Amino acid sequence: MGPNPTFGSGMRRSRLSKTLEKKTRKTLVLSIIGIVIVLFLLFRYGLDILVNFSLFISGQKSSSSIIPNKIDFIAPPILNPLSPATNSANIVISGKALKDQTIYLYINNRGVDQTEVDKNGDFVFEETLKEEDNLIRVKAEYNGKKSEYSDEFNVVFKNSPPSLEISSPKDGDSFKKDQNTIVVSGKTDQGVSVTVNGFWAVIDDNNNFSYKLSLQGGDNQIKIVATDLAGNKTEKELKVNYSQ
């Protein structure tokens, strides 16, 4: 008995259908990815970068004759991380960008300085902070076109020591028998950490601190240190006596 032509043609049609289905899926996935990329570029960078991307895909060169002065996209510079607080007015601000670009420095939305990117792609500013809160960011410029702002850092400049009030114990207090554990407590400023004899105290939402301290027989020296984010410190010492 010879081969069944109907069965053979059915198998060929089945393989053909699967192949077409795979191609259709692949085309659909690529189309969705392309749409997402175009929408992202349009939302993030506007029409200029979308034109550049289209020219790149089509294999064309930078054709300034099509849209003069609107083809080159200037990427924002990259700022090196900055400490969130400092007790020195002098600050070094550095980062990375493309060589030959001009970098503009903005502090609290005011343009305060500019510098050139060196051959290694580095730029550096040495500035003096004047205000307590300093929002720092930069822009790049090349051929008369500026980038968007870089990522920003907020740096708090503060060179005054934090407040430190001791509620208990009092200097010279005496404790006896079952009073071998006392609570060292007081108040400080927002964002300040406190240690008692080198151990961290607990601080509540109202900036009140407390620490349970075990006493040794005789005189006990207690050192309380308050430190803010900028590194400013306030220290106080007192002495209490414990007799068993």
Protein backbone atom coordinates (compact mmCIF):
# COMPACT_ATOMS: atom_id res chain seq x y z
CA MET A 1 0.00 0.00 0.00
CA GLY A 2 1.49 3.40 -1.11
CA PRO A 3 1.87 6.51 1.09
CA ASN A 4 -1.24 8.46 1.93
CA PRO A 5 -0.94 11.84 0.09
CA THR A 6 -3.57 13.42 2.30
CA PHE A 7 -1.68 12.51 5.50
CA GLY A 8 1.65 13.84 4.06
CA SER A 9 0.18 17.15 2.99
CA GLY A 10 -1.45 17.52 6.39
CA MET A 11 1.90 17.17 8.16
CA ARG A 12 3.51 19.75 5.86
CA ARG A 13 0.69 22.21 6.55
CA SER A 14 1.07 21.61 10.30
CA ARG A 15 4.84 22.33 10.23
CA LEU A 16 4.25 25.39 8.07
CA SER A 17 1.64 26.69 10.52
CA LYS A 18 4.01 26.25 13.48
CA THR A 19 6.82 28.06 11.62
CA LEU A 20 4.53 30.97 10.74
CA GLU A 21 3.28 31.11 14.33
CA LYS A 22 6.86 31.34 15.68
CA LYS A 23 7.76 34.11 13.22
CA THR A 24 4.60 36.02 14.13
CA ARG A 25 5.38 35.78 17.84
CA LYS A 26 8.97 36.95 17.29
CA THR A 27 7.81 39.91 15.18
CA LEU A 28 5.24 40.87 17.81
CA VAL A 29 7.80 40.75 20.66
CA LEU A 30 10.33 42.84 18.69
CA SER A 31 7.62 45.38 17.83
CA ILE A 32 6.62 45.75 21.49
CA ILE A 33 10.28 46.19 22.55
CA GLY A 34 10.76 48.83 19.84
CA ILE A 35 7.68 50.75 20.96
CA VAL A 36 8.82 50.70 24.59
CA ILE A 37 12.30 52.02 23.62
CA VAL A 38 10.82 54.81 21.49
CA LEU A 39 8.40 55.88 24.25
CA PHE A 40 11.19 55.85 26.86
CA LEU A 41 13.52 57.96 24.69
CA LEU A 42 10.73 60.40 23.86
CA PHE A 43 9.68 60.75 27.52
CA ARG A 44 13.22 60.99 28.95
CA TYR A 45 15.10 63.02 26.36
CA GLY A 46 12.55 64.55 24.01
CA LEU A 47 12.53 64.81 20.24
CA ASP A 48 16.27 65.41 19.73
CA ILE A 49 17.45 62.03 20.98
CA LEU A 50 14.59 60.30 19.18
CA VAL A 51 15.81 61.78 15.90
CA ASN A 52 19.36 60.65 16.68
CA PHE A 53 18.15 57.15 17.50
CA SER A 54 16.15 56.98 14.25
CA LEU A 55 19.18 58.08 12.21
CA PHE A 56 21.34 55.49 13.97
CA ILE A 57 18.87 52.68 13.20
CA SER A 58 18.57 53.70 9.55
CA GLY A 59 22.38 53.85 9.19
CA GLN A 60 22.52 57.54 8.35
CA LYS A 61 25.25 59.90 9.55
CA SER A 62 24.72 62.85 11.83
CA SER A 63 22.96 64.96 9.17
CA SER A 64 22.94 68.51 10.45
CA SER A 65 21.33 69.54 7.17
CA ILE A 66 18.12 67.81 8.28
CA ILE A 67 17.73 69.41 11.72
CA PRO A 68 20.50 71.95 12.38
CA ASN A 69 21.88 72.04 15.95
CA LYS A 70 19.31 69.50 17.19
CA ILE A 71 21.06 66.22 16.59
CA ASP A 72 23.77 65.97 19.25
CA PHE A 73 22.58 64.67 22.62
CA ILE A 74 24.66 65.79 25.62
CA ALA A 75 24.55 63.24 28.42
CA PRO A 76 24.44 64.61 32.00
CA PRO A 77 27.77 64.40 33.90
CA ILE A 78 28.24 61.88 36.70
CA LEU A 79 28.92 63.33 40.15
CA ASN A 80 31.04 61.38 42.60
CA PRO A 81 29.16 60.72 45.88
CA LEU A 82 29.24 63.51 48.47
CA SER A 83 28.93 63.24 52.24
CA PRO A 84 25.45 64.31 53.43
CA ALA A 85 26.97 66.60 56.08
CA THR A 86 30.24 68.41 56.77
CA ASN A 87 31.67 70.68 59.45
CA SER A 88 34.09 72.31 57.00
CA ALA A 89 33.03 75.08 54.63
CA ASN A 90 35.56 73.88 52.06
CA ILE A 91 34.31 71.10 49.79
CA VAL A 92 35.70 69.23 46.77
CA ILE A 93 33.13 68.32 44.11
CA SER A 94 34.28 65.94 41.38
CA GLY A 95 32.91 63.67 38.70
CA LYS A 96 33.10 62.21 35.22
CA ALA A 97 32.09 63.50 31.78
CA LEU A 98 33.33 63.45 28.18
CA LYS A 99 36.60 65.25 27.54
CA ASP A 100 36.49 68.77 26.09
CA GLN A 101 33.09 69.42 27.68
CA THR A 102 32.48 72.40 29.95
CA ILE A 103 30.91 71.58 33.32
CA TYR A 104 28.66 74.09 35.10
CA LEU A 105 28.21 73.83 38.87
CA TYR A 106 24.90 74.76 40.52
CA ILE A 107 24.39 75.12 44.28
CA ASN A 108 20.82 75.72 45.44
CA ASN A 109 19.83 76.30 41.78
CA ARG A 110 22.39 79.10 41.34
CA GLY A 111 25.22 78.80 38.83
CA VAL A 112 28.38 79.32 40.89
CA ASP A 113 31.31 78.00 38.83
CA GLN A 114 32.45 76.26 35.66
CA THR A 115 35.43 74.14 34.62
CA GLU A 116 36.73 72.03 31.73
CA VAL A 117 36.81 68.24 31.60
CA ASP A 118 40.38 66.94 31.34
CA LYS A 119 41.68 64.34 28.88
CA ASN A 120 40.84 61.53 31.32
CA GLY A 121 37.20 62.59 31.58
CA ASP A 122 37.55 64.06 35.08
CA PHE A 123 36.41 67.41 36.45
CA VAL A 124 36.94 68.98 39.89
CA PHE A 125 35.55 72.00 41.75
CA GLU A 126 36.88 73.39 45.03
CA GLU A 127 34.15 75.48 46.62
CA THR A 128 33.28 77.23 49.88
CA LEU A 129 29.82 76.51 51.27
CA LYS A 130 27.90 79.49 52.65
CA GLU A 131 24.54 78.03 53.67
CA GLU A 132 23.49 75.18 55.93
CA ASP A 133 21.64 73.22 53.21
CA ASN A 134 23.35 72.91 49.83
CA LEU A 135 21.71 71.22 46.84
CA ILE A 136 24.59 70.38 44.50
CA ARG A 137 24.31 69.33 40.82
CA VAL A 138 26.02 70.00 37.49
CA LYS A 139 25.38 70.30 33.76
CA ALA A 140 27.63 69.64 30.76
CA GLU A 141 27.98 71.83 27.65
CA TYR A 142 29.48 71.02 24.26
CA ASN A 143 29.20 73.00 21.01
CA GLY A 144 26.69 75.37 22.60
CA LYS A 145 24.31 72.64 23.74
CA LYS A 146 23.74 71.82 27.43
CA SER A 147 22.77 68.56 29.08
CA GLU A 148 20.11 67.98 31.68
CA TYR A 149 21.09 68.19 35.36
CA SER A 150 23.15 65.39 36.86
CA ASP A 151 22.01 63.45 39.90
CA GLU A 152 21.93 65.77 42.91
CA PHE A 153 23.41 65.64 46.40
CA ASN A 154 22.22 67.62 49.40
CA VAL A 155 25.11 68.54 51.72
CA VAL A 156 24.45 70.09 55.13
CA PHE A 157 27.18 72.45 56.33
CA LYS A 158 27.25 72.90 60.09
CA ASN A 159 30.22 73.82 62.29
CA SER A 160 28.49 74.45 65.62
CA PRO A 161 28.35 71.73 68.30
CA PRO A 162 25.03 70.05 69.13
CA SER A 163 23.18 70.77 72.35
CA LEU A 164 23.50 68.26 75.20
CA GLU A 165 21.42 68.44 78.38
CA ILE A 166 21.85 65.86 81.16
CA SER A 167 18.69 65.21 83.21
CA SER A 168 20.06 62.44 85.41
CA PRO A 169 22.15 61.61 87.25
CA LYS A 170 23.59 64.76 88.75
CA ASP A 171 27.30 65.21 89.19
CA GLY A 172 28.24 63.94 92.68
CA ASP A 173 25.12 61.78 93.21
CA SER A 174 25.51 58.78 95.52
CA PHE A 175 23.80 55.38 95.19
CA LYS A 176 23.62 52.47 97.65
CA LYS A 177 22.82 48.74 97.86
CA ASP A 178 20.25 47.76 95.16
CA GLN A 179 20.86 50.96 93.15
CA ASN A 180 23.73 49.42 91.18
CA THR A 181 22.02 50.22 87.84
CA ILE A 182 21.04 53.79 86.93
CA VAL A 183 19.53 55.48 83.88
CA VAL A 184 21.63 58.18 82.24
CA SER A 185 19.17 60.44 80.41
CA GLY A 186 18.87 63.84 78.78
CA LYS A 187 18.05 65.68 75.55
CA THR A 188 19.91 66.66 72.37
CA ASP A 189 19.19 67.91 68.83
CA GLN A 190 17.53 66.22 65.86
CA GLY A 191 19.79 63.82 63.97
CA VAL A 192 22.36 63.59 66.76
CA SER A 193 23.74 60.33 68.19
CA VAL A 194 24.72 59.96 71.86
CA THR A 195 27.12 57.60 73.59
CA VAL A 196 27.53 56.93 77.31
CA ASN A 197 31.00 55.66 78.19
CA GLY A 198 31.35 54.58 74.56
CA PHE A 199 28.00 52.74 74.30
CA TRP A 200 25.08 53.95 72.15
CA ALA A 201 22.15 55.51 73.99
CA VAL A 202 18.53 55.09 72.86
CA ILE A 203 17.03 58.28 71.36
CA ASP A 204 13.26 58.76 70.91
CA ASP A 205 11.35 60.90 68.39
CA ASN A 206 11.60 63.94 70.70
CA ASN A 207 15.43 63.72 70.87
CA ASN A 208 15.40 62.41 74.44
CA PHE A 209 18.14 59.86 75.10
CA SER A 210 18.59 57.21 77.78
CA TYR A 211 21.07 54.50 78.69
CA LYS A 212 21.10 51.95 81.53
CA LEU A 213 24.51 52.01 83.20
CA SER A 214 25.79 49.42 85.67
CA LEU A 215 27.78 50.94 88.54
CA GLN A 216 30.93 49.60 90.12
CA GLY A 217 31.82 50.03 93.78
CA GLY A 218 33.31 53.44 94.54
CA ASP A 219 33.50 56.40 92.17
CA ASN A 220 32.12 55.98 88.63
CA GLN A 221 33.19 58.36 85.88
CA ILE A 222 30.49 58.93 83.24
CA LYS A 223 31.29 60.48 79.85
CA ILE A 224 28.42 61.49 77.54
CA VAL A 225 29.20 62.47 73.94
CA ALA A 226 26.72 63.92 71.40
CA THR A 227 27.80 63.81 67.73
CA ASP A 228 25.90 65.25 64.75
CA LEU A 229 26.01 64.13 61.11
CA ALA A 230 28.67 66.73 60.29
CA GLY A 231 31.02 65.37 62.96
CA ASN A 232 30.56 68.18 65.49
CA LYS A 233 30.73 66.96 69.09
CA THR A 234 29.66 68.05 72.55
CA GLU A 235 31.08 66.18 75.54
CA LYS A 236 30.13 66.24 79.21
CA GLU A 237 31.56 64.31 82.16
CA LEU A 238 30.24 63.69 85.64
CA LYS A 239 31.05 61.43 88.57
CA VAL A 240 28.78 59.42 90.83
CA ASN A 241 29.52 57.11 93.78
CA TYR A 242 28.15 53.68 94.53
CA SER A 243 28.58 51.99 97.89
CA GLN A 244 27.46 48.41 98.48
